[in-house]
Amino acid sequence: MKSDETLIGLNASAKHYCVCFFISEMKSDYCDEAYDRIISASVSDDELFNQIKLLGYIKDEEKKEISIEYGEYNIVSVFTEETGCYFKK
């Protein structure tokens, strides 16, 4: 189902950037390149991949959050020392 693949792609995107920035402490260029390799291999629908890539993400350094909004979806991945990256409800 298309909506399931969209949600999986959005979740994977938010989690990737959370791990890349806050756990691995990498820079934007590296995280973007790694994202392209990982997501293009895991999302079978090229159109969906391009839509997710165009959306981008919002990085909040202070709260250590990555958020992505798309239609009815608002995905937020948060980093804490205790739990690593997790999804905020």
C-alpha atoms as a PDB file:
ATOM      1  CA  MET A   1       0.000   0.000   0.000  1.00  0.00           C
ATOM      2  CA  LYS A   2       1.324   3.438  -0.963  1.00  0.00           C
ATOM      3  CA  SER A   3       0.561   5.091   2.396  1.00  0.00           C
ATOM      4  CA  ASP A   4       2.469   2.347   4.241  1.00  0.00           C
ATOM      5  CA  GLU A   5       5.524   2.855   2.043  1.00  0.00           C
ATOM      6  CA  THR A   6       5.265   6.633   2.514  1.00  0.00           C
ATOM      7  CA  LEU A   7       5.204   6.273   6.302  1.00  0.00           C
ATOM      8  CA  ILE A   8       8.105   3.814   6.247  1.00  0.00           C
ATOM      9  CA  GLY A   9      10.118   6.176   4.040  1.00  0.00           C
ATOM     10  CA  LEU A  10       9.401   9.177   6.269  1.00  0.00           C
ATOM     11  CA  ASN A  11      10.262   7.228   9.434  1.00  0.00           C
ATOM     12  CA  ALA A  12      13.485   5.911   7.890  1.00  0.00           C
ATOM     13  CA  SER A  13      14.432   9.437   6.797  1.00  0.00           C
ATOM     14  CA  ALA A  14      13.872  10.997  10.224  1.00  0.00           C
ATOM     15  CA  LYS A  15      15.713   8.164  11.971  1.00  0.00           C
ATOM     16  CA  HIS A  16      18.650   8.350   9.537  1.00  0.00           C
ATOM     17  CA  TYR A  17      19.187  12.061  10.101  1.00  0.00           C
ATOM     18  CA  CYS A  18      18.771  11.727  13.869  1.00  0.00           C
ATOM     19  CA  VAL A  19      21.421   8.990  14.018  1.00  0.00           C
ATOM     20  CA  CYS A  20      23.723  10.731  11.537  1.00  0.00           C
ATOM     21  CA  PHE A  21      23.666  14.132  13.247  1.00  0.00           C
ATOM     22  CA  PHE A  22      23.236  13.369  16.923  1.00  0.00           C
ATOM     23  CA  ILE A  23      24.824   9.935  17.406  1.00  0.00           C
ATOM     24  CA  SER A  24      27.470   9.864  14.663  1.00  0.00           C
ATOM     25  CA  GLU A  25      27.972  13.643  14.846  1.00  0.00           C
ATOM     26  CA  MET A  26      28.472  13.920  11.093  1.00  0.00           C
ATOM     27  CA  LYS A  27      28.077  17.008   8.916  1.00  0.00           C
ATOM     28  CA  SER A  28      25.159  17.726   6.570  1.00  0.00           C
ATOM     29  CA  ASP A  29      27.020  16.770   3.365  1.00  0.00           C
ATOM     30  CA  TYR A  30      27.934  13.315   4.666  1.00  0.00           C
ATOM     31  CA  CYS A  31      24.433  12.723   6.056  1.00  0.00           C
ATOM     32  CA  ASP A  32      22.835  13.747   2.732  1.00  0.00           C
ATOM     33  CA  GLU A  33      25.134  11.452   0.710  1.00  0.00           C
ATOM     34  CA  ALA A  34      24.538   8.532   3.076  1.00  0.00           C
ATOM     35  CA  TYR A  35      20.793   9.204   2.925  1.00  0.00           C
ATOM     36  CA  ASP A  36      20.796   9.042  -0.872  1.00  0.00           C
ATOM     37  CA  ARG A  37      22.531   5.660  -0.817  1.00  0.00           C
ATOM     38  CA  ILE A  38      20.391   4.135   1.926  1.00  0.00           C
ATOM     39  CA  ILE A  39      16.947   5.428   0.984  1.00  0.00           C
ATOM     40  CA  SER A  40      17.274   4.890  -2.770  1.00  0.00           C
ATOM     41  CA  ALA A  41      18.118   1.251  -2.029  1.00  0.00           C
ATOM     42  CA  SER A  42      15.221   0.757   0.390  1.00  0.00           C
ATOM     43  CA  VAL A  43      12.356   2.692  -1.259  1.00  0.00           C
ATOM     44  CA  SER A  44      11.206   0.930  -4.411  1.00  0.00           C
ATOM     45  CA  ASP A  45       9.136   3.832  -5.741  1.00  0.00           C
ATOM     46  CA  ASP A  46      11.399   6.447  -7.391  1.00  0.00           C
ATOM     47  CA  GLU A  47       8.634   9.060  -7.269  1.00  0.00           C
ATOM     48  CA  LEU A  48       8.209   8.552  -3.506  1.00  0.00           C
ATOM     49  CA  PHE A  49      11.992   8.769  -2.997  1.00  0.00           C
ATOM     50  CA  ASN A  50      12.102  12.079  -4.890  1.00  0.00           C
ATOM     51  CA  GLN A  51       9.104  13.474  -2.962  1.00  0.00           C
ATOM     52  CA  ILE A  52      10.665  12.607   0.399  1.00  0.00           C
ATOM     53  CA  LYS A  53      13.990  14.105  -0.682  1.00  0.00           C
ATOM     54  CA  LEU A  54      12.280  17.354  -1.763  1.00  0.00           C
ATOM     55  CA  LEU A  55      10.546  17.642   1.616  1.00  0.00           C
ATOM     56  CA  GLY A  56      13.802  17.832   3.472  1.00  0.00           C
ATOM     57  CA  TYR A  57      13.842  17.910   7.238  1.00  0.00           C
ATOM     58  CA  ILE A  58      13.998  20.382  10.087  1.00  0.00           C
ATOM     59  CA  LYS A  59      16.886  19.956  12.506  1.00  0.00           C
ATOM     60  CA  ASP A  60      16.502  21.412  15.990  1.00  0.00           C
ATOM     61  CA  GLU A  61      19.950  21.333  17.617  1.00  0.00           C
ATOM     62  CA  GLU A  62      18.663  22.518  20.983  1.00  0.00           C
ATOM     63  CA  LYS A  63      15.936  19.869  21.307  1.00  0.00           C
ATOM     64  CA  LYS A  64      18.015  17.323  19.340  1.00  0.00           C
ATOM     65  CA  GLU A  65      15.083  16.599  17.037  1.00  0.00           C
ATOM     66  CA  ILE A  66      14.649  15.877  13.358  1.00  0.00           C
ATOM     67  CA  SER A  67      11.165  16.489  12.009  1.00  0.00           C
ATOM     68  CA  ILE A  68       9.597  15.842   8.632  1.00  0.00           C
ATOM     69  CA  GLU A  69       6.084  16.911   7.677  1.00  0.00           C
ATOM     70  CA  TYR A  70       4.191  15.501   4.726  1.00  0.00           C
ATOM     71  CA  GLY A  71       0.425  15.805   4.395  1.00  0.00           C
ATOM     72  CA  GLU A  72      -1.142  14.241   7.482  1.00  0.00           C
ATOM     73  CA  TYR A  73       2.213  12.906   8.670  1.00  0.00           C
ATOM     74  CA  ASN A  74       4.408  14.731  11.173  1.00  0.00           C
ATOM     75  CA  ILE A  75       7.370  12.492  11.976  1.00  0.00           C
ATOM     76  CA  VAL A  76       9.725  13.526  14.777  1.00  0.00           C
ATOM     77  CA  SER A  77      12.833  11.580  15.774  1.00  0.00           C
ATOM     78  CA  VAL A  78      14.415  12.683  19.056  1.00  0.00           C
ATOM     79  CA  PHE A  79      17.852  11.883  20.484  1.00  0.00           C
ATOM     80  CA  THR A  80      18.592  11.387  24.174  1.00  0.00           C
ATOM     81  CA  GLU A  81      21.694   9.911  25.805  1.00  0.00           C
ATOM     82  CA  GLU A  82      19.545   7.277  27.547  1.00  0.00           C
ATOM     83  CA  THR A  83      17.572   5.981  24.561  1.00  0.00           C
ATOM     84  CA  GLY A  84      19.387   7.090  21.408  1.00  0.00           C
ATOM     85  CA  CYS A  85      16.985   8.113  18.622  1.00  0.00           C
ATOM     86  CA  TYR A  86      13.300   7.377  19.096  1.00  0.00           C
ATOM     87  CA  PHE A  87      10.035   8.553  17.581  1.00  0.00           C
ATOM     88  CA  LYS A  88       8.027  11.178  19.434  1.00  0.00           C
ATOM     89  CA  LYS A  89       4.277  10.680  19.564  1.00  0.00           C
END
